[in-house]
C-alpha atoms as a PDB file:
ATOM      1  CA  MET A   1     133.860 117.800  56.393  1.00  0.00           C
ATOM      2  CA  LYS A   2     131.980 118.907  53.304  1.00  0.00           C
ATOM      3  CA  LEU A   3     132.506 116.942  50.094  1.00  0.00           C
ATOM      4  CA  VAL A   4     131.428 118.186  46.685  1.00  0.00           C
ATOM      5  CA  THR A   5     131.903 115.629  43.941  1.00  0.00           C
ATOM      6  CA  PHE A   6     130.451 114.580  40.617  1.00  0.00           C
ATOM      7  CA  GLN A   7     131.266 110.972  41.354  1.00  0.00           C
ATOM      8  CA  THR A   8     128.719 108.317  42.203  1.00  0.00           C
ATOM      9  CA  ILE A   9     127.803 107.088  45.653  1.00  0.00           C
ATOM     10  CA  GLU A  10     130.037 104.042  44.998  1.00  0.00           C
ATOM     11  CA  ALA A  11     133.029 106.383  44.713  1.00  0.00           C
ATOM     12  CA  VAL A  12     132.095 108.093  47.970  1.00  0.00           C
ATOM     13  CA  LYS A  13     131.803 104.696  49.662  1.00  0.00           C
ATOM     14  CA  ASP A  14     135.315 103.928  48.375  1.00  0.00           C
ATOM     15  CA  LEU A  15     136.477 107.192  49.966  1.00  0.00           C
ATOM     16  CA  PHE A  16     135.236 106.116  53.374  1.00  0.00           C
ATOM     17  CA  ASN A  17     136.543 102.555  52.994  1.00  0.00           C
ATOM     18  CA  LYS A  18     139.974 103.396  51.531  1.00  0.00           C
ATOM     19  CA  GLY A  19     140.500 106.824  53.085  1.00  0.00           C
ATOM     20  CA  TYR A  20     141.024 108.563  49.753  1.00  0.00           C
ATOM     21  CA  LEU A  21     139.032 109.408  46.638  1.00  0.00           C
ATOM     22  CA  GLU A  22     140.208 108.019  43.317  1.00  0.00           C
ATOM     23  CA  CYS A  23     139.433 109.660  40.022  1.00  0.00           C
ATOM     24  CA  ASP A  24     137.648 106.951  38.057  1.00  0.00           C
ATOM     25  CA  GLU A  25     135.575 107.922  35.010  1.00  0.00           C
ATOM     26  CA  LYS A  26     133.348 104.884  35.607  1.00  0.00           C
ATOM     27  CA  LYS A  27     132.258 106.445  38.894  1.00  0.00           C
ATOM     28  CA  ILE A  28     131.561 109.977  37.657  1.00  0.00           C
ATOM     29  CA  ASN A  29     127.934 111.016  37.327  1.00  0.00           C
ATOM     30  CA  PHE A  30     128.117 112.709  33.928  1.00  0.00           C
ATOM     31  CA  ASP A  31     124.537 113.972  34.336  1.00  0.00           C
ATOM     32  CA  LYS A  32     125.925 116.368  36.948  1.00  0.00           C
ATOM     33  CA  ASN A  33     129.141 117.089  35.048  1.00  0.00           C
ATOM     34  CA  SER A  34     129.391 120.692  33.965  1.00  0.00           C
ATOM     35  CA  SER A  35     131.740 123.333  32.631  1.00  0.00           C
ATOM     36  CA  THR A  36     132.695 124.020  36.255  1.00  0.00           C
ATOM     37  CA  TYR A  37     133.892 120.427  36.666  1.00  0.00           C
ATOM     38  CA  ASN A  38     135.890 120.684  33.445  1.00  0.00           C
ATOM     39  CA  TRP A  39     137.454 123.933  34.723  1.00  0.00           C
ATOM     40  CA  ILE A  40     138.468 122.184  37.954  1.00  0.00           C
ATOM     41  CA  VAL A  41     140.081 119.294  36.049  1.00  0.00           C
ATOM     42  CA  GLU A  42     141.932 121.676  33.727  1.00  0.00           C
ATOM     43  CA  ASN A  43     143.289 123.756  36.603  1.00  0.00           C
ATOM     44  CA  MET A  44     144.236 120.722  38.693  1.00  0.00           C
ATOM     45  CA  ASN A  45     146.247 119.397  35.756  1.00  0.00           C
ATOM     46  CA  LYS A  46     148.127 122.709  35.615  1.00  0.00           C
ATOM     47  CA  ARG A  47     149.067 122.475  39.312  1.00  0.00           C
ATOM     48  CA  ILE A  48     149.514 118.746  39.885  1.00  0.00           C
ATOM     49  CA  ASP A  49     151.769 116.418  37.895  1.00  0.00           C
ATOM     50  CA  ASN A  50     149.488 114.089  35.945  1.00  0.00           C
ATOM     51  CA  PRO A  51     151.782 111.665  34.074  1.00  0.00           C
ATOM     52  CA  ASN A  52     148.921 109.267  33.275  1.00  0.00           C
ATOM     53  CA  ASN A  53     146.750 112.075  31.867  1.00  0.00           C
ATOM     54  CA  THR A  54     143.955 111.106  34.249  1.00  0.00           C
ATOM     55  CA  LYS A  55     140.772 113.044  33.591  1.00  0.00           C
END
């Protein structure tokens, strides 16, 4: 499996421990954040119900 993420290594460790990846702003590496990431978030919010307005 290939994983592309802007989250920190702690978030990836959570993925392997919990079996899923949570979106947590505290674990995003904003140095790698880009317009592409923002495009992904925007389009995911169009396709997936996001009642908590998670970024």
